[in-house]
Amino acid sequence: MANILDTIVAQKRIEITALPPGPVSARQLRDAIQQRGSGLRDFFGALDKPRRGDVGLIAEIKKASPSLGVICPDFDPVRIARQYEAAGASCLSVLTDVSFFQGSLEYLRAVRAAVELPLLRKDFIIDERQILEAIEWGADAILLIVAILSDDQLSHFHALADAAGLTSLVEVHDEAELDRALRGGARLIGVNNRDLKTFRVDLGTTERLAARMALADDGRTRLLVAESGIHSRADVDRVRLAGARAILVGESLMKTGDIAAKTAELLAG
């Protein structure tokens, strides 16, 4: 039985046929960064040294999701981005998937012009041309989801982004995916606490994988981001004590009527 990721990837395969033909080189990526008129903002560094509190916050700009439908009916990405920045977020995640999350690359460009924070293009990357596209529309970081990539794709996309100075947030869901991420050279690892087959959320996933990552320490500087299921300061403390140094939060921030107050609660370390 197909899960939501399978369905999304099938749609992505259709969408990428509209992109200019590849392949894409690191030099092309670097040229695209120069051509857009603004350099890369340090996504990893911003999380490593949070603007407020004791964890780095990647605050997500997300209108809808496949499981919940529309999360934020009164959706204005620029207004939301400015509120996040004022409230102390370290970085922003901007959904650009149209079909399942009602996102847009236009949101990414508009947000970049409105704030100074580093930006993640939150999408489902299965082709190197999407990395070039991310840069052209204003991203400083991309999401690489281990579950939808082969080992060769993961290593290639990560190396390509790294050569251009672009940060890769490598997302994992279980121990096997974490091991693959580590072999692929990942430095910024996101642990998604949501089981994409059942949609059940368990913060214990971060606890398990953080412990496994600590055992795999090889001297490289890595940073773990806890994703999904973070709704309160108690949740933040739980994943922080497990070893997460940053959190990615979308739903609980987007559904609140007061972004500033909710952000302050999550960052009140």
C-alpha atoms as a PDB file:
ATOM      1  CA  MET A   1       0.000   0.000   0.000  1.00  0.00           C
ATOM      2  CA  ALA A   2       1.404   3.371  -1.054  1.00  0.00           C
ATOM      3  CA  ASN A   3       2.034   5.978   1.630  1.00  0.00           C
ATOM      4  CA  ILE A   4       1.768   9.731   1.193  1.00  0.00           C
ATOM      5  CA  LEU A   5       5.437  10.023   0.220  1.00  0.00           C
ATOM      6  CA  ASP A   6       4.943   7.613  -2.683  1.00  0.00           C
ATOM      7  CA  THR A   7       2.006   9.684  -3.909  1.00  0.00           C
ATOM      8  CA  ILE A   8       3.929  12.952  -3.620  1.00  0.00           C
ATOM      9  CA  VAL A   9       6.998  11.571  -5.387  1.00  0.00           C
ATOM     10  CA  ALA A  10       4.858  10.321  -8.273  1.00  0.00           C
ATOM     11  CA  GLN A  11       3.539  13.875  -8.698  1.00  0.00           C
ATOM     12  CA  LYS A  12       7.073  15.322  -8.461  1.00  0.00           C
ATOM     13  CA  ARG A  13       8.215  13.084 -11.304  1.00  0.00           C
ATOM     14  CA  ILE A  14       5.561  14.709 -13.460  1.00  0.00           C
ATOM     15  CA  GLU A  15       6.465  18.243 -12.337  1.00  0.00           C
ATOM     16  CA  ILE A  16      10.207  17.975 -12.997  1.00  0.00           C
ATOM     17  CA  THR A  17       9.596  17.201 -16.664  1.00  0.00           C
ATOM     18  CA  ALA A  18       8.858  20.922 -17.039  1.00  0.00           C
ATOM     19  CA  LEU A  19      12.312  21.931 -15.778  1.00  0.00           C
ATOM     20  CA  PRO A  20      15.145  22.804 -18.198  1.00  0.00           C
ATOM     21  CA  PRO A  21      17.247  19.748 -19.099  1.00  0.00           C
ATOM     22  CA  GLY A  22      20.206  18.828 -16.872  1.00  0.00           C
ATOM     23  CA  PRO A  23      22.702  17.856 -15.664  1.00  0.00           C
ATOM     24  CA  VAL A  24      23.535  20.511 -13.072  1.00  0.00           C
ATOM     25  CA  SER A  25      27.062  21.297 -11.913  1.00  0.00           C
ATOM     26  CA  ALA A  26      28.325  22.927  -8.724  1.00  0.00           C
ATOM     27  CA  ARG A  27      29.601  25.789 -10.874  1.00  0.00           C
ATOM     28  CA  GLN A  28      26.090  26.388 -12.218  1.00  0.00           C
ATOM     29  CA  LEU A  29      24.800  26.530  -8.657  1.00  0.00           C
ATOM     30  CA  ARG A  30      27.499  29.018  -7.633  1.00  0.00           C
ATOM     31  CA  ASP A  31      26.791  31.140 -10.709  1.00  0.00           C
ATOM     32  CA  ALA A  32      23.078  31.138  -9.857  1.00  0.00           C
ATOM     33  CA  ILE A  33      23.873  32.360  -6.343  1.00  0.00           C
ATOM     34  CA  GLN A  34      25.873  35.272  -7.803  1.00  0.00           C
ATOM     35  CA  GLN A  35      23.189  36.078 -10.369  1.00  0.00           C
ATOM     36  CA  ARG A  36      20.368  36.364  -7.842  1.00  0.00           C
ATOM     37  CA  GLY A  37      22.086  39.379  -6.323  1.00  0.00           C
ATOM     38  CA  SER A  38      22.453  38.187  -2.740  1.00  0.00           C
ATOM     39  CA  GLY A  39      24.798  35.642  -1.242  1.00  0.00           C
ATOM     40  CA  LEU A  40      23.952  32.640   0.868  1.00  0.00           C
ATOM     41  CA  ARG A  41      22.841  33.118   4.450  1.00  0.00           C
ATOM     42  CA  ASP A  42      24.419  30.671   6.887  1.00  0.00           C
ATOM     43  CA  PHE A  43      21.613  28.235   7.741  1.00  0.00           C
ATOM     44  CA  PHE A  44      23.748  25.824   9.772  1.00  0.00           C
ATOM     45  CA  GLY A  45      25.486  28.620  11.642  1.00  0.00           C
ATOM     46  CA  ALA A  46      22.189  30.284  12.524  1.00  0.00           C
ATOM     47  CA  LEU A  47      20.992  27.083  14.197  1.00  0.00           C
ATOM     48  CA  ASP A  48      24.334  26.508  15.890  1.00  0.00           C
ATOM     49  CA  LYS A  49      24.061  29.923  17.578  1.00  0.00           C
ATOM     50  CA  PRO A  50      20.335  30.573  18.158  1.00  0.00           C
ATOM     51  CA  ARG A  51      19.031  34.129  18.131  1.00  0.00           C
ATOM     52  CA  ARG A  52      16.908  33.467  21.219  1.00  0.00           C
ATOM     53  CA  GLY A  53      16.707  30.704  23.814  1.00  0.00           C
ATOM     54  CA  ASP A  54      18.694  27.478  24.013  1.00  0.00           C
ATOM     55  CA  VAL A  55      17.611  25.817  20.755  1.00  0.00           C
ATOM     56  CA  GLY A  56      17.598  26.989  17.179  1.00  0.00           C
ATOM     57  CA  LEU A  57      14.098  27.392  15.788  1.00  0.00           C
ATOM     58  CA  ILE A  58      13.276  26.708  12.153  1.00  0.00           C
ATOM     59  CA  ALA A  59       9.829  28.286  11.954  1.00  0.00           C
ATOM     60  CA  GLU A  60       7.738  26.940   9.115  1.00  0.00           C
ATOM     61  CA  ILE A  61       5.562  28.903   6.730  1.00  0.00           C
ATOM     62  CA  LYS A  62       2.913  26.377   5.761  1.00  0.00           C
ATOM     63  CA  LYS A  63      -0.644  26.939   4.595  1.00  0.00           C
ATOM     64  CA  ALA A  64      -1.834  23.321   4.434  1.00  0.00           C
ATOM     65  CA  SER A  65      -0.836  19.678   4.757  1.00  0.00           C
ATOM     66  CA  PRO A  66      -2.134  16.388   3.316  1.00  0.00           C
ATOM     67  CA  SER A  67      -3.224  15.138   6.739  1.00  0.00           C
ATOM     68  CA  LEU A  68      -4.887  18.310   8.082  1.00  0.00           C
ATOM     69  CA  GLY A  69      -5.953  20.254   5.012  1.00  0.00           C
ATOM     70  CA  VAL A  70      -5.777  24.043   5.377  1.00  0.00           C
ATOM     71  CA  ILE A  71      -3.970  24.937   8.599  1.00  0.00           C
ATOM     72  CA  CYS A  72      -3.902  28.711   8.218  1.00  0.00           C
ATOM     73  CA  PRO A  73      -6.895  30.164   6.329  1.00  0.00           C
ATOM     74  CA  ASP A  74      -5.640  33.752   6.774  1.00  0.00           C
ATOM     75  CA  PHE A  75      -2.337  32.977   5.044  1.00  0.00           C
ATOM     76  CA  ASP A  76       0.105  35.783   4.284  1.00  0.00           C
ATOM     77  CA  PRO A  77       3.661  34.401   4.002  1.00  0.00           C
ATOM     78  CA  VAL A  78       5.400  37.767   4.266  1.00  0.00           C
ATOM     79  CA  ARG A  79       3.462  38.826   7.360  1.00  0.00           C
ATOM     80  CA  ILE A  80       4.113  35.455   8.977  1.00  0.00           C
ATOM     81  CA  ALA A  81       7.823  35.592   8.107  1.00  0.00           C
ATOM     82  CA  ARG A  82       8.197  39.015   9.681  1.00  0.00           C
ATOM     83  CA  GLN A  83       6.411  37.851  12.826  1.00  0.00           C
ATOM     84  CA  TYR A  84       8.718  34.839  13.093  1.00  0.00           C
ATOM     85  CA  GLU A  85      11.800  37.016  12.648  1.00  0.00           C
ATOM     86  CA  ALA A  86      10.640  39.509  15.290  1.00  0.00           C
ATOM     87  CA  ALA A  87       9.854  36.667  17.704  1.00  0.00           C
ATOM     88  CA  GLY A  88      13.379  35.222  17.567  1.00  0.00           C
ATOM     89  CA  ALA A  89      13.316  32.371  15.041  1.00  0.00           C
ATOM     90  CA  SER A  90      16.776  31.421  13.778  1.00  0.00           C
ATOM     91  CA  CYS A  91      15.721  30.245  10.306  1.00  0.00           C
ATOM     92  CA  LEU A  92      12.572  29.877   8.235  1.00  0.00           C
ATOM     93  CA  SER A  93      11.199  26.916   6.296  1.00  0.00           C
ATOM     94  CA  VAL A  94       9.025  27.809   3.312  1.00  0.00           C
ATOM     95  CA  LEU A  95       6.766  25.164   1.746  1.00  0.00           C
ATOM     96  CA  THR A  96       7.021  25.354  -2.031  1.00  0.00           C
ATOM     97  CA  ASP A  97       5.051  22.213  -2.937  1.00  0.00           C
ATOM     98  CA  VAL A  98       1.845  23.262  -4.684  1.00  0.00           C
ATOM     99  CA  SER A  99      -0.173  20.066  -5.027  1.00  0.00           C
ATOM    100  CA  PHE A 100      -0.143  18.796  -1.444  1.00  0.00           C
ATOM    101  CA  PHE A 101       0.800  21.766   0.772  1.00  0.00           C
ATOM    102  CA  GLN A 102      -0.587  24.711  -1.238  1.00  0.00           C
ATOM    103  CA  GLY A 103       2.891  26.223  -1.241  1.00  0.00           C
ATOM    104  CA  SER A 104       4.690  28.212  -3.909  1.00  0.00           C
ATOM    105  CA  LEU A 105       8.160  29.219  -5.053  1.00  0.00           C
ATOM    106  CA  GLU A 106       6.748  32.743  -5.194  1.00  0.00           C
ATOM    107  CA  TYR A 107       6.379  32.589  -1.399  1.00  0.00           C
ATOM    108  CA  LEU A 108      10.078  31.788  -1.112  1.00  0.00           C
ATOM    109  CA  ARG A 109      11.090  34.789  -3.204  1.00  0.00           C
ATOM    110  CA  ALA A 110       8.726  37.149  -1.383  1.00  0.00           C
ATOM    111  CA  VAL A 111       9.907  35.992   2.047  1.00  0.00           C
ATOM    112  CA  ARG A 112      13.566  36.404   1.096  1.00  0.00           C
ATOM    113  CA  ALA A 113      12.923  40.039   0.184  1.00  0.00           C
ATOM    114  CA  ALA A 114      11.109  40.660   3.469  1.00  0.00           C
ATOM    115  CA  VAL A 115      13.437  39.185   6.114  1.00  0.00           C
ATOM    116  CA  GLU A 116      17.126  38.588   6.806  1.00  0.00           C
ATOM    117  CA  LEU A 117      16.875  35.036   8.146  1.00  0.00           C
ATOM    118  CA  PRO A 118      18.300  32.009   6.284  1.00  0.00           C
ATOM    119  CA  LEU A 119      15.651  30.148   4.279  1.00  0.00           C
ATOM    120  CA  LEU A 120      14.992  26.459   3.672  1.00  0.00           C
ATOM    121  CA  ARG A 121      13.145  25.372   0.560  1.00  0.00           C
ATOM    122  CA  LYS A 122      10.802  22.737   1.991  1.00  0.00           C
ATOM    123  CA  ASP A 123       9.928  20.427  -0.863  1.00  0.00           C
ATOM    124  CA  PHE A 124      10.504  16.911  -2.169  1.00  0.00           C
ATOM    125  CA  ILE A 125      13.770  16.942  -4.093  1.00  0.00           C
ATOM    126  CA  ILE A 126      14.319  13.989  -6.396  1.00  0.00           C
ATOM    127  CA  ASP A 127      16.300  15.700  -9.173  1.00  0.00           C
ATOM    128  CA  GLU A 128      19.383  17.944  -9.131  1.00  0.00           C
ATOM    129  CA  ARG A 129      17.540  20.535 -11.226  1.00  0.00           C
ATOM    130  CA  GLN A 130      15.344  21.252  -8.213  1.00  0.00           C
ATOM    131  CA  ILE A 131      18.479  22.315  -6.315  1.00  0.00           C
ATOM    132  CA  LEU A 132      19.256  24.900  -8.992  1.00  0.00           C
ATOM    133  CA  GLU A 133      15.620  26.009  -8.892  1.00  0.00           C
ATOM    134  CA  ALA A 134      15.816  26.404  -5.100  1.00  0.00           C
ATOM    135  CA  ILE A 135      18.771  28.780  -5.437  1.00  0.00           C
ATOM    136  CA  GLU A 136      17.155  30.773  -8.223  1.00  0.00           C
ATOM    137  CA  TRP A 137      14.098  31.426  -6.056  1.00  0.00           C
ATOM    138  CA  GLY A 138      16.040  32.411  -2.934  1.00  0.00           C
ATOM    139  CA  ALA A 139      16.854  29.357  -0.813  1.00  0.00           C
ATOM    140  CA  ASP A 140      19.912  29.031   1.416  1.00  0.00           C
ATOM    141  CA  ALA A 141      19.161  25.406   2.296  1.00  0.00           C
ATOM    142  CA  ILE A 142      17.350  22.426   0.833  1.00  0.00           C
ATOM    143  CA  LEU A 143      15.589  19.416   2.311  1.00  0.00           C
ATOM    144  CA  LEU A 144      16.847  15.955   1.342  1.00  0.00           C
ATOM    145  CA  ILE A 145      14.467  13.210   2.469  1.00  0.00           C
ATOM    146  CA  VAL A 146      16.355   9.935   2.786  1.00  0.00           C
ATOM    147  CA  ALA A 147      13.191   7.852   2.330  1.00  0.00           C
ATOM    148  CA  ILE A 148      12.706   9.047  -1.270  1.00  0.00           C
ATOM    149  CA  LEU A 149      16.346   8.946  -2.416  1.00  0.00           C
ATOM    150  CA  SER A 150      18.776   6.190  -3.307  1.00  0.00           C
ATOM    151  CA  ASP A 151      22.202   6.196  -1.655  1.00  0.00           C
ATOM    152  CA  ASP A 152      23.729   7.504  -4.886  1.00  0.00           C
ATOM    153  CA  GLN A 153      21.181  10.314  -5.154  1.00  0.00           C
ATOM    154  CA  LEU A 154      21.604  11.274  -1.510  1.00  0.00           C
ATOM    155  CA  SER A 155      25.393  11.444  -1.722  1.00  0.00           C
ATOM    156  CA  HIS A 156      25.339  13.258  -5.072  1.00  0.00           C
ATOM    157  CA  PHE A 157      22.757  15.877  -4.096  1.00  0.00           C
ATOM    158  CA  HIS A 158      24.464  16.480  -0.755  1.00  0.00           C
ATOM    159  CA  ALA A 159      27.900  16.854  -2.359  1.00  0.00           C
ATOM    160  CA  LEU A 160      26.523  19.126  -5.078  1.00  0.00           C
ATOM    161  CA  ALA A 161      24.830  21.420  -2.578  1.00  0.00           C
ATOM    162  CA  ASP A 162      27.883  21.408  -0.321  1.00  0.00           C
ATOM    163  CA  ALA A 163      30.187  22.386  -3.183  1.00  0.00           C
ATOM    164  CA  ALA A 164      27.986  25.425  -3.820  1.00  0.00           C
ATOM    165  CA  GLY A 165      27.827  26.386  -0.132  1.00  0.00           C
ATOM    166  CA  LEU A 166      24.167  25.424   0.169  1.00  0.00           C
ATOM    167  CA  THR A 167      23.086  23.714   3.408  1.00  0.00           C
ATOM    168  CA  SER A 168      21.289  20.352   3.241  1.00  0.00           C
ATOM    169  CA  LEU A 169      18.845  19.377   5.960  1.00  0.00           C
ATOM    170  CA  VAL A 170      18.824  15.578   5.657  1.00  0.00           C
ATOM    171  CA  GLU A 171      15.584  14.131   7.004  1.00  0.00           C
ATOM    172  CA  VAL A 172      15.320  10.652   8.509  1.00  0.00           C
ATOM    173  CA  HIS A 173      12.516   8.634  10.108  1.00  0.00           C
ATOM    174  CA  ASP A 174      14.271   5.577  11.543  1.00  0.00           C
ATOM    175  CA  GLU A 175      17.608   3.964  12.366  1.00  0.00           C
ATOM    176  CA  ALA A 176      18.274   2.603   8.879  1.00  0.00           C
ATOM    177  CA  GLU A 177      17.695   6.025   7.317  1.00  0.00           C
ATOM    178  CA  LEU A 178      19.941   7.668   9.913  1.00  0.00           C
ATOM    179  CA  ASP A 179      22.748   5.269   9.061  1.00  0.00           C
ATOM    180  CA  ARG A 180      22.313   6.085   5.379  1.00  0.00           C
ATOM    181  CA  ALA A 181      22.359   9.831   6.124  1.00  0.00           C
ATOM    182  CA  LEU A 182      25.595   9.499   8.091  1.00  0.00           C
ATOM    183  CA  ARG A 183      27.228   7.489   5.311  1.00  0.00           C
ATOM    184  CA  GLY A 184      26.106  10.177   2.858  1.00  0.00           C
ATOM    185  CA  GLY A 185      28.019  12.846   4.776  1.00  0.00           C
ATOM    186  CA  ALA A 186      25.091  14.631   6.429  1.00  0.00           C
ATOM    187  CA  ARG A 187      25.977  17.291   9.001  1.00  0.00           C
ATOM    188  CA  LEU A 188      22.494  18.713   9.586  1.00  0.00           C
ATOM    189  CA  ILE A 189      20.118  15.846  10.343  1.00  0.00           C
ATOM    190  CA  GLY A 190      16.383  16.271  10.821  1.00  0.00           C
ATOM    191  CA  VAL A 191      14.514  13.565  12.708  1.00  0.00           C
ATOM    192  CA  ASN A 192      10.872  13.491  11.634  1.00  0.00           C
ATOM    193  CA  ASN A 193       8.828  12.186  14.545  1.00  0.00           C
ATOM    194  CA  ARG A 194       5.841  11.509  12.277  1.00  0.00           C
ATOM    195  CA  ASP A 195       5.344   8.019  10.876  1.00  0.00           C
ATOM    196  CA  LEU A 196       4.366   8.773   7.288  1.00  0.00           C
ATOM    197  CA  LYS A 197       2.461   5.499   6.956  1.00  0.00           C
ATOM    198  CA  THR A 198       0.223   5.982  10.004  1.00  0.00           C
ATOM    199  CA  PHE A 199       0.716   9.749  10.662  1.00  0.00           C
ATOM    200  CA  ARG A 200       1.285   8.856  14.322  1.00  0.00           C
ATOM    201  CA  VAL A 201       3.727  11.212  16.060  1.00  0.00           C
ATOM    202  CA  ASP A 202       6.194   9.987  18.691  1.00  0.00           C
ATOM    203  CA  LEU A 203       8.907  12.223  20.182  1.00  0.00           C
ATOM    204  CA  GLY A 204      10.624   9.016  21.251  1.00  0.00           C
ATOM    205  CA  THR A 205      11.872   8.807  17.653  1.00  0.00           C
ATOM    206  CA  THR A 206      14.140  11.793  18.303  1.00  0.00           C
ATOM    207  CA  GLU A 207      15.318  10.241  21.564  1.00  0.00           C
ATOM    208  CA  ARG A 208      16.233   6.944  19.895  1.00  0.00           C
ATOM    209  CA  LEU A 209      17.955   8.429  16.891  1.00  0.00           C
ATOM    210  CA  ALA A 210      19.803  11.093  18.876  1.00  0.00           C
ATOM    211  CA  ALA A 211      21.305   8.350  21.024  1.00  0.00           C
ATOM    212  CA  ARG A 212      22.292   6.387  17.930  1.00  0.00           C
ATOM    213  CA  MET A 213      23.860   9.459  16.336  1.00  0.00           C
ATOM    214  CA  ALA A 214      25.911  10.099  19.482  1.00  0.00           C
ATOM    215  CA  LEU A 215      27.286   6.568  19.307  1.00  0.00           C
ATOM    216  CA  ALA A 216      28.265   7.136  15.677  1.00  0.00           C
ATOM    217  CA  ASP A 217      30.380  10.180  16.578  1.00  0.00           C
ATOM    218  CA  ASP A 218      33.370  10.299  14.220  1.00  0.00           C
ATOM    219  CA  GLY A 219      34.626  13.762  15.078  1.00  0.00           C
ATOM    220  CA  ARG A 220      32.478  15.603  12.526  1.00  0.00           C
ATOM    221  CA  THR A 221      30.434  18.555  13.699  1.00  0.00           C
ATOM    222  CA  ARG A 222      26.784  17.593  13.378  1.00  0.00           C
ATOM    223  CA  LEU A 223      23.547  19.171  14.487  1.00  0.00           C
ATOM    224  CA  LEU A 224      20.266  17.339  15.075  1.00  0.00           C
ATOM    225  CA  VAL A 225      16.905  18.971  14.360  1.00  0.00           C
ATOM    226  CA  ALA A 226      13.730  17.529  15.897  1.00  0.00           C
ATOM    227  CA  GLU A 227      10.785  17.787  13.491  1.00  0.00           C
ATOM    228  CA  SER A 228       7.029  17.269  13.976  1.00  0.00           C
ATOM    229  CA  GLY A 229       5.005  16.901  17.144  1.00  0.00           C
ATOM    230  CA  ILE A 230       6.461  19.872  19.025  1.00  0.00           C
ATOM    231  CA  HIS A 231       3.629  21.817  20.616  1.00  0.00           C
ATOM    232  CA  SER A 232       4.875  23.035  24.010  1.00  0.00           C
ATOM    233  CA  ARG A 233       7.984  24.007  25.948  1.00  0.00           C
ATOM    234  CA  ALA A 234       7.811  20.585  27.602  1.00  0.00           C
ATOM    235  CA  ASP A 235       8.166  19.010  24.143  1.00  0.00           C
ATOM    236  CA  VAL A 236      11.129  21.265  23.391  1.00  0.00           C
ATOM    237  CA  ASP A 237      12.817  20.291  26.666  1.00  0.00           C
ATOM    238  CA  ARG A 238      12.259  16.610  25.945  1.00  0.00           C
ATOM    239  CA  VAL A 239      13.974  16.666  22.544  1.00  0.00           C
ATOM    240  CA  ARG A 240      16.661  19.092  23.726  1.00  0.00           C
ATOM    241  CA  LEU A 241      17.622  16.818  26.611  1.00  0.00           C
ATOM    242  CA  ALA A 242      17.772  13.934  24.141  1.00  0.00           C
ATOM    243  CA  GLY A 243      20.361  15.811  22.086  1.00  0.00           C
ATOM    244  CA  ALA A 244      18.449  17.967  19.594  1.00  0.00           C
ATOM    245  CA  ARG A 245      20.001  21.400  19.243  1.00  0.00           C
ATOM    246  CA  ALA A 246      17.285  22.742  16.969  1.00  0.00           C
ATOM    247  CA  ILE A 247      13.602  22.229  16.254  1.00  0.00           C
ATOM    248  CA  LEU A 248      11.462  22.608  13.160  1.00  0.00           C
ATOM    249  CA  VAL A 249       7.941  23.711  14.048  1.00  0.00           C
ATOM    250  CA  GLY A 250       5.088  24.443  11.689  1.00  0.00           C
ATOM    251  CA  GLU A 251       1.641  23.270  12.720  1.00  0.00           C
ATOM    252  CA  SER A 252       1.577  24.554  16.316  1.00  0.00           C
ATOM    253  CA  LEU A 253       2.871  27.967  15.218  1.00  0.00           C
ATOM    254  CA  MET A 254       0.643  28.279  12.164  1.00  0.00           C
ATOM    255  CA  LYS A 255      -2.517  27.322  14.072  1.00  0.00           C
ATOM    256  CA  THR A 256      -1.962  29.745  16.936  1.00  0.00           C
ATOM    257  CA  GLY A 257      -3.630  33.109  16.963  1.00  0.00           C
ATOM    258  CA  ASP A 258      -0.476  34.718  18.380  1.00  0.00           C
ATOM    259  CA  ILE A 259       2.789  33.699  16.705  1.00  0.00           C
ATOM    260  CA  ALA A 260       4.883  35.935  18.961  1.00  0.00           C
ATOM    261  CA  ALA A 261       3.487  34.424  22.155  1.00  0.00           C
ATOM    262  CA  LYS A 262       3.772  30.828  20.925  1.00  0.00           C
ATOM    263  CA  THR A 263       7.331  31.352  19.720  1.00  0.00           C
ATOM    264  CA  ALA A 264       8.250  32.924  23.064  1.00  0.00           C
ATOM    265  CA  GLU A 265       6.793  29.889  24.847  1.00  0.00           C
ATOM    266  CA  LEU A 266       8.812  27.419  22.758  1.00  0.00           C
ATOM    267  CA  LEU A 267      12.055  29.385  23.137  1.00  0.00           C
ATOM    268  CA  ALA A 268      11.655  30.168  26.847  1.00  0.00           C
ATOM    269  CA  GLY A 269      14.672  28.155  27.978  1.00  0.00           C
END
